[in-house]
Amino acid sequence: MSADPPGVHLPDAERALETLASSLLTGVAHDAAFVGIYSGGAWLAERLGKLVPGEHPVGFIDVSFYRDDYASRGLKTGARRSDLPFDVAGATIVLIDDVLYTGRSTRAAINELFDFGRPRAIELAVLVDRGGRELPIEPDYVGVRVACARSLSIVLSRDAAGRLSLGAEPAGGG
């Protein structure tokens, strides 16, 4: 693994996942559905569905078409179909993302969820909260909080064995 960029210390993603799972253990409803935002949030939802006791159906959502910057950025490569194999209407949803920054992906995911039905409640779980919100969105469950320059993006990666790691790269319109 490469050294952290100057001015930012990135924690171990697996430890942050353990912290996130522990916070969910004490607060999440026994039957809450876990919905991961592609791609990092989807990886986390899969893992949390196995780590957190209860009946937690797992689904995935792609917010590409719901982002408020879609017209200027276009469609990201690798767009996927949302897969919610449960009834969203009346469900308690834990929306899961890898990195919370401006809040725009979260807003887009909430908009898309409502196209599938009206949930009873939506909670937000994130592996990394890096601050810098542009919208009034705050996570209910957090793995780790990290200070990071606006010029950097924090990126979650997964190796062939499924192990998660965090890295930083120059922000490039993403």
C-alpha atoms as a PDB file:
ATOM      1  CA  MET A   1       0.000   0.000   0.000  1.00  0.00           C
ATOM      2  CA  SER A   2       1.352   3.432  -0.836  1.00  0.00           C
ATOM      3  CA  ALA A   3       2.061   6.115   1.730  1.00  0.00           C
ATOM      4  CA  ASP A   4      -0.697   8.552   2.645  1.00  0.00           C
ATOM      5  CA  PRO A   5      -0.674  11.849   0.740  1.00  0.00           C
ATOM      6  CA  PRO A   6       0.742  14.824   2.669  1.00  0.00           C
ATOM      7  CA  GLY A   7      -1.761  16.213   5.168  1.00  0.00           C
ATOM      8  CA  VAL A   8      -4.107  13.220   5.247  1.00  0.00           C
ATOM      9  CA  HIS A   9      -4.000  10.050   7.296  1.00  0.00           C
ATOM     10  CA  LEU A  10      -6.172   7.284   5.893  1.00  0.00           C
ATOM     11  CA  PRO A  11      -7.214   4.644   8.401  1.00  0.00           C
ATOM     12  CA  ASP A  12      -7.468   0.925   7.773  1.00  0.00           C
ATOM     13  CA  ALA A  13     -10.731   0.340   5.885  1.00  0.00           C
ATOM     14  CA  GLU A  14     -11.331  -3.035   7.541  1.00  0.00           C
ATOM     15  CA  ARG A  15     -11.103  -1.457  11.006  1.00  0.00           C
ATOM     16  CA  ALA A  16     -13.429   1.337   9.925  1.00  0.00           C
ATOM     17  CA  LEU A  17     -15.867  -1.337   8.710  1.00  0.00           C
ATOM     18  CA  GLU A  18     -15.734  -3.023  12.134  1.00  0.00           C
ATOM     19  CA  THR A  19     -16.509   0.316  13.793  1.00  0.00           C
ATOM     20  CA  LEU A  20     -19.388   0.923  11.395  1.00  0.00           C
ATOM     21  CA  ALA A  21     -20.800  -2.565  12.023  1.00  0.00           C
ATOM     22  CA  SER A  22     -20.569  -2.012  15.795  1.00  0.00           C
ATOM     23  CA  SER A  23     -22.526   1.239  15.571  1.00  0.00           C
ATOM     24  CA  LEU A  24     -25.198  -0.486  13.476  1.00  0.00           C
ATOM     25  CA  LEU A  25     -25.481  -3.275  16.072  1.00  0.00           C
ATOM     26  CA  THR A  26     -26.689  -0.824  18.690  1.00  0.00           C
ATOM     27  CA  GLY A  27     -28.975   1.301  16.554  1.00  0.00           C
ATOM     28  CA  VAL A  28     -30.363  -0.329  13.446  1.00  0.00           C
ATOM     29  CA  ALA A  29     -33.782  -1.981  13.278  1.00  0.00           C
ATOM     30  CA  HIS A  30     -33.715  -5.793  13.229  1.00  0.00           C
ATOM     31  CA  ASP A  31     -35.467  -5.847   9.834  1.00  0.00           C
ATOM     32  CA  ALA A  32     -33.906  -2.799   8.172  1.00  0.00           C
ATOM     33  CA  ALA A  33     -32.964  -3.266   4.530  1.00  0.00           C
ATOM     34  CA  PHE A  34     -29.374  -2.387   3.606  1.00  0.00           C
ATOM     35  CA  VAL A  35     -29.048  -0.496   0.306  1.00  0.00           C
ATOM     36  CA  GLY A  36     -25.536   0.120  -0.986  1.00  0.00           C
ATOM     37  CA  ILE A  37     -24.716   2.873  -3.450  1.00  0.00           C
ATOM     38  CA  TYR A  38     -22.545   1.429  -6.266  1.00  0.00           C
ATOM     39  CA  SER A  39     -19.760   0.594  -6.081  1.00  0.00           C
ATOM     40  CA  GLY A  40     -18.120   1.017  -2.684  1.00  0.00           C
ATOM     41  CA  GLY A  41     -21.419   1.258  -0.845  1.00  0.00           C
ATOM     42  CA  ALA A  42     -22.550  -1.967  -2.521  1.00  0.00           C
ATOM     43  CA  TRP A  43     -19.445  -3.777  -1.268  1.00  0.00           C
ATOM     44  CA  LEU A  44     -20.122  -2.446   2.225  1.00  0.00           C
ATOM     45  CA  ALA A  45     -23.804  -3.418   2.153  1.00  0.00           C
ATOM     46  CA  GLU A  46     -22.859  -6.993   1.235  1.00  0.00           C
ATOM     47  CA  ARG A  47     -20.381  -7.193   4.107  1.00  0.00           C
ATOM     48  CA  LEU A  48     -22.643  -5.485   6.650  1.00  0.00           C
ATOM     49  CA  GLY A  49     -25.527  -7.778   5.708  1.00  0.00           C
ATOM     50  CA  LYS A  50     -23.384 -10.653   6.992  1.00  0.00           C
ATOM     51  CA  LEU A  51     -21.885  -8.831   9.999  1.00  0.00           C
ATOM     52  CA  VAL A  52     -25.014  -7.286  11.541  1.00  0.00           C
ATOM     53  CA  PRO A  53     -27.458  -9.771  13.100  1.00  0.00           C
ATOM     54  CA  GLY A  54     -31.049  -9.540  11.929  1.00  0.00           C
ATOM     55  CA  GLU A  55     -33.134  -9.948   8.802  1.00  0.00           C
ATOM     56  CA  HIS A  56     -31.463  -7.411   6.527  1.00  0.00           C
ATOM     57  CA  PRO A  57     -32.295  -7.797   2.856  1.00  0.00           C
ATOM     58  CA  VAL A  58     -29.533  -6.254   0.751  1.00  0.00           C
ATOM     59  CA  GLY A  59     -30.061  -4.171  -2.358  1.00  0.00           C
ATOM     60  CA  PHE A  60     -27.997  -1.921  -4.577  1.00  0.00           C
ATOM     61  CA  ILE A  61     -28.638   1.432  -6.173  1.00  0.00           C
ATOM     62  CA  ASP A  62     -26.901   3.344  -8.971  1.00  0.00           C
ATOM     63  CA  VAL A  63     -27.426   7.087  -8.714  1.00  0.00           C
ATOM     64  CA  SER A  64     -25.820   8.011 -12.055  1.00  0.00           C
ATOM     65  CA  PHE A  65     -29.023   9.339 -13.645  1.00  0.00           C
ATOM     66  CA  TYR A  66     -30.179  11.081 -10.449  1.00  0.00           C
ATOM     67  CA  ARG A  67     -27.139  13.252  -9.782  1.00  0.00           C
ATOM     68  CA  ASP A  68     -27.726  16.990 -10.075  1.00  0.00           C
ATOM     69  CA  ASP A  69     -24.514  17.296 -12.105  1.00  0.00           C
ATOM     70  CA  TYR A  70     -25.494  14.627 -14.671  1.00  0.00           C
ATOM     71  CA  ALA A  71     -25.974  17.193 -17.447  1.00  0.00           C
ATOM     72  CA  SER A  72     -22.473  18.608 -16.999  1.00  0.00           C
ATOM     73  CA  ARG A  73     -20.585  15.393 -16.125  1.00  0.00           C
ATOM     74  CA  GLY A  74     -22.441  12.878 -18.232  1.00  0.00           C
ATOM     75  CA  LEU A  75     -22.818   9.202 -17.423  1.00  0.00           C
ATOM     76  CA  LYS A  76     -19.934   7.617 -15.549  1.00  0.00           C
ATOM     77  CA  THR A  77     -18.502   4.483 -17.068  1.00  0.00           C
ATOM     78  CA  GLY A  78     -19.723   1.320 -15.402  1.00  0.00           C
ATOM     79  CA  ALA A  79     -23.269   2.483 -14.685  1.00  0.00           C
ATOM     80  CA  ARG A  80     -25.302  -0.432 -13.326  1.00  0.00           C
ATOM     81  CA  ARG A  81     -28.916  -1.349 -12.833  1.00  0.00           C
ATOM     82  CA  SER A  82     -30.371  -0.711  -9.398  1.00  0.00           C
ATOM     83  CA  ASP A  83     -31.431  -3.931  -7.694  1.00  0.00           C
ATOM     84  CA  LEU A  84     -33.850  -3.696  -4.773  1.00  0.00           C
ATOM     85  CA  PRO A  85     -35.206  -7.240  -4.202  1.00  0.00           C
ATOM     86  CA  PHE A  86     -37.687  -6.159  -1.509  1.00  0.00           C
ATOM     87  CA  ASP A  87     -40.627  -3.778  -1.218  1.00  0.00           C
ATOM     88  CA  VAL A  88     -39.292  -0.270  -0.558  1.00  0.00           C
ATOM     89  CA  ALA A  89     -42.735   1.054   0.423  1.00  0.00           C
ATOM     90  CA  GLY A  90     -43.004   1.067   4.207  1.00  0.00           C
ATOM     91  CA  ALA A  91     -39.488  -0.346   4.732  1.00  0.00           C
ATOM     92  CA  THR A  92     -36.796   0.983   7.018  1.00  0.00           C
ATOM     93  CA  ILE A  93     -33.803   1.538   4.736  1.00  0.00           C
ATOM     94  CA  VAL A  94     -30.181   1.970   5.754  1.00  0.00           C
ATOM     95  CA  LEU A  95     -28.555   3.709   2.807  1.00  0.00           C
ATOM     96  CA  ILE A  96     -24.860   2.772   2.719  1.00  0.00           C
ATOM     97  CA  ASP A  97     -22.058   4.670   0.989  1.00  0.00           C
ATOM     98  CA  ASP A  98     -18.292   4.478   1.139  1.00  0.00           C
ATOM     99  CA  VAL A  99     -17.374   8.176   1.418  1.00  0.00           C
ATOM    100  CA  LEU A 100     -19.682  11.024   2.378  1.00  0.00           C
ATOM    101  CA  TYR A 101     -18.463  14.351   1.085  1.00  0.00           C
ATOM    102  CA  THR A 102     -20.815  16.954  -0.429  1.00  0.00           C
ATOM    103  CA  GLY A 103     -24.003  14.936   0.131  1.00  0.00           C
ATOM    104  CA  ARG A 104     -25.015  14.974  -3.525  1.00  0.00           C
ATOM    105  CA  SER A 105     -24.807  11.197  -4.045  1.00  0.00           C
ATOM    106  CA  THR A 106     -26.913  10.689  -0.921  1.00  0.00           C
ATOM    107  CA  ARG A 107     -29.533  13.143  -2.182  1.00  0.00           C
ATOM    108  CA  ALA A 108     -29.588  11.364  -5.540  1.00  0.00           C
ATOM    109  CA  ALA A 109     -29.989   7.955  -3.851  1.00  0.00           C
ATOM    110  CA  ILE A 110     -32.913   9.206  -1.747  1.00  0.00           C
ATOM    111  CA  ASN A 111     -34.602  10.584  -4.874  1.00  0.00           C
ATOM    112  CA  GLU A 112     -34.183   7.235  -6.618  1.00  0.00           C
ATOM    113  CA  LEU A 113     -35.440   5.250  -3.617  1.00  0.00           C
ATOM    114  CA  PHE A 114     -38.695   7.215  -3.713  1.00  0.00           C
ATOM    115  CA  ASP A 115     -39.183   6.127  -7.332  1.00  0.00           C
ATOM    116  CA  PHE A 116     -39.438   2.565  -5.946  1.00  0.00           C
ATOM    117  CA  GLY A 117     -41.892   3.502  -3.167  1.00  0.00           C
ATOM    118  CA  ARG A 118     -42.137   5.544   0.011  1.00  0.00           C
ATOM    119  CA  PRO A 119     -39.924   4.075   2.739  1.00  0.00           C
ATOM    120  CA  ARG A 120     -40.999   4.335   6.367  1.00  0.00           C
ATOM    121  CA  ALA A 121     -37.556   5.726   7.241  1.00  0.00           C
ATOM    122  CA  ILE A 122     -34.138   6.189   5.662  1.00  0.00           C
ATOM    123  CA  GLU A 123     -30.964   6.186   7.733  1.00  0.00           C
ATOM    124  CA  LEU A 124     -27.471   6.829   6.395  1.00  0.00           C
ATOM    125  CA  ALA A 125     -24.366   4.745   7.116  1.00  0.00           C
ATOM    126  CA  VAL A 126     -20.967   5.698   5.702  1.00  0.00           C
ATOM    127  CA  LEU A 127     -17.544   4.166   6.024  1.00  0.00           C
ATOM    128  CA  VAL A 128     -15.797   7.568   5.812  1.00  0.00           C
ATOM    129  CA  ASP A 129     -17.215  11.003   6.621  1.00  0.00           C
ATOM    130  CA  ARG A 130     -14.754  13.520   5.226  1.00  0.00           C
ATOM    131  CA  GLY A 131     -16.814  16.632   5.931  1.00  0.00           C
ATOM    132  CA  GLY A 132     -17.292  19.358   3.324  1.00  0.00           C
ATOM    133  CA  ARG A 133     -21.059  19.024   2.969  1.00  0.00           C
ATOM    134  CA  GLU A 134     -22.873  21.207   0.445  1.00  0.00           C
ATOM    135  CA  LEU A 135     -26.291  19.855   1.445  1.00  0.00           C
ATOM    136  CA  PRO A 136     -27.838  19.391   4.908  1.00  0.00           C
ATOM    137  CA  ILE A 137     -27.130  15.650   5.082  1.00  0.00           C
ATOM    138  CA  GLU A 138     -25.643  13.966   8.145  1.00  0.00           C
ATOM    139  CA  PRO A 139     -24.887  10.252   8.623  1.00  0.00           C
ATOM    140  CA  ASP A 140     -26.536   8.204  11.381  1.00  0.00           C
ATOM    141  CA  TYR A 141     -23.687   5.675  11.443  1.00  0.00           C
ATOM    142  CA  VAL A 142     -20.015   6.392  10.692  1.00  0.00           C
ATOM    143  CA  GLY A 143     -16.972   4.139  10.482  1.00  0.00           C
ATOM    144  CA  VAL A 144     -14.398   6.946  10.649  1.00  0.00           C
ATOM    145  CA  ARG A 145     -14.144  10.709  10.196  1.00  0.00           C
ATOM    146  CA  VAL A 146     -11.209  11.971   8.116  1.00  0.00           C
ATOM    147  CA  ALA A 147     -10.017  15.493   7.335  1.00  0.00           C
ATOM    148  CA  CYS A 148      -8.976  15.737   3.711  1.00  0.00           C
ATOM    149  CA  ALA A 149      -8.106  18.563   1.313  1.00  0.00           C
ATOM    150  CA  ARG A 150     -10.735  19.390  -1.303  1.00  0.00           C
ATOM    151  CA  SER A 151      -8.098  18.681  -3.953  1.00  0.00           C
ATOM    152  CA  LEU A 152      -8.116  14.974  -3.010  1.00  0.00           C
ATOM    153  CA  SER A 153     -10.690  12.221  -3.412  1.00  0.00           C
ATOM    154  CA  ILE A 154     -10.838   9.374  -0.919  1.00  0.00           C
ATOM    155  CA  VAL A 155     -11.361   6.113  -2.789  1.00  0.00           C
ATOM    156  CA  LEU A 156     -12.402   2.712  -1.460  1.00  0.00           C
ATOM    157  CA  SER A 157     -10.865  -0.292  -3.222  1.00  0.00           C
ATOM    158  CA  ARG A 158     -11.497  -4.016  -2.923  1.00  0.00           C
ATOM    159  CA  ASP A 159      -8.920  -6.666  -3.756  1.00  0.00           C
ATOM    160  CA  ALA A 160      -9.595 -10.116  -5.240  1.00  0.00           C
ATOM    161  CA  ALA A 161     -10.012 -11.595  -1.749  1.00  0.00           C
ATOM    162  CA  GLY A 162     -12.626  -8.949  -0.852  1.00  0.00           C
ATOM    163  CA  ARG A 163     -10.376  -6.984   1.521  1.00  0.00           C
ATOM    164  CA  LEU A 164     -11.136  -3.269   1.557  1.00  0.00           C
ATOM    165  CA  SER A 165      -8.585  -0.448   1.538  1.00  0.00           C
ATOM    166  CA  LEU A 166      -8.695   3.334   1.371  1.00  0.00           C
ATOM    167  CA  GLY A 167      -6.583   5.488  -0.905  1.00  0.00           C
ATOM    168  CA  ALA A 168      -6.415   9.109  -1.972  1.00  0.00           C
ATOM    169  CA  GLU A 169      -6.009  10.543  -5.431  1.00  0.00           C
ATOM    170  CA  PRO A 170      -6.232  13.981  -6.998  1.00  0.00           C
ATOM    171  CA  ALA A 171      -9.854  15.062  -7.352  1.00  0.00           C
ATOM    172  CA  GLY A 172     -10.747  14.993 -11.008  1.00  0.00           C
ATOM    173  CA  GLY A 173     -14.329  16.082 -11.379  1.00  0.00           C
ATOM    174  CA  GLY A 174     -15.561  13.088  -9.383  1.00  0.00           C
END
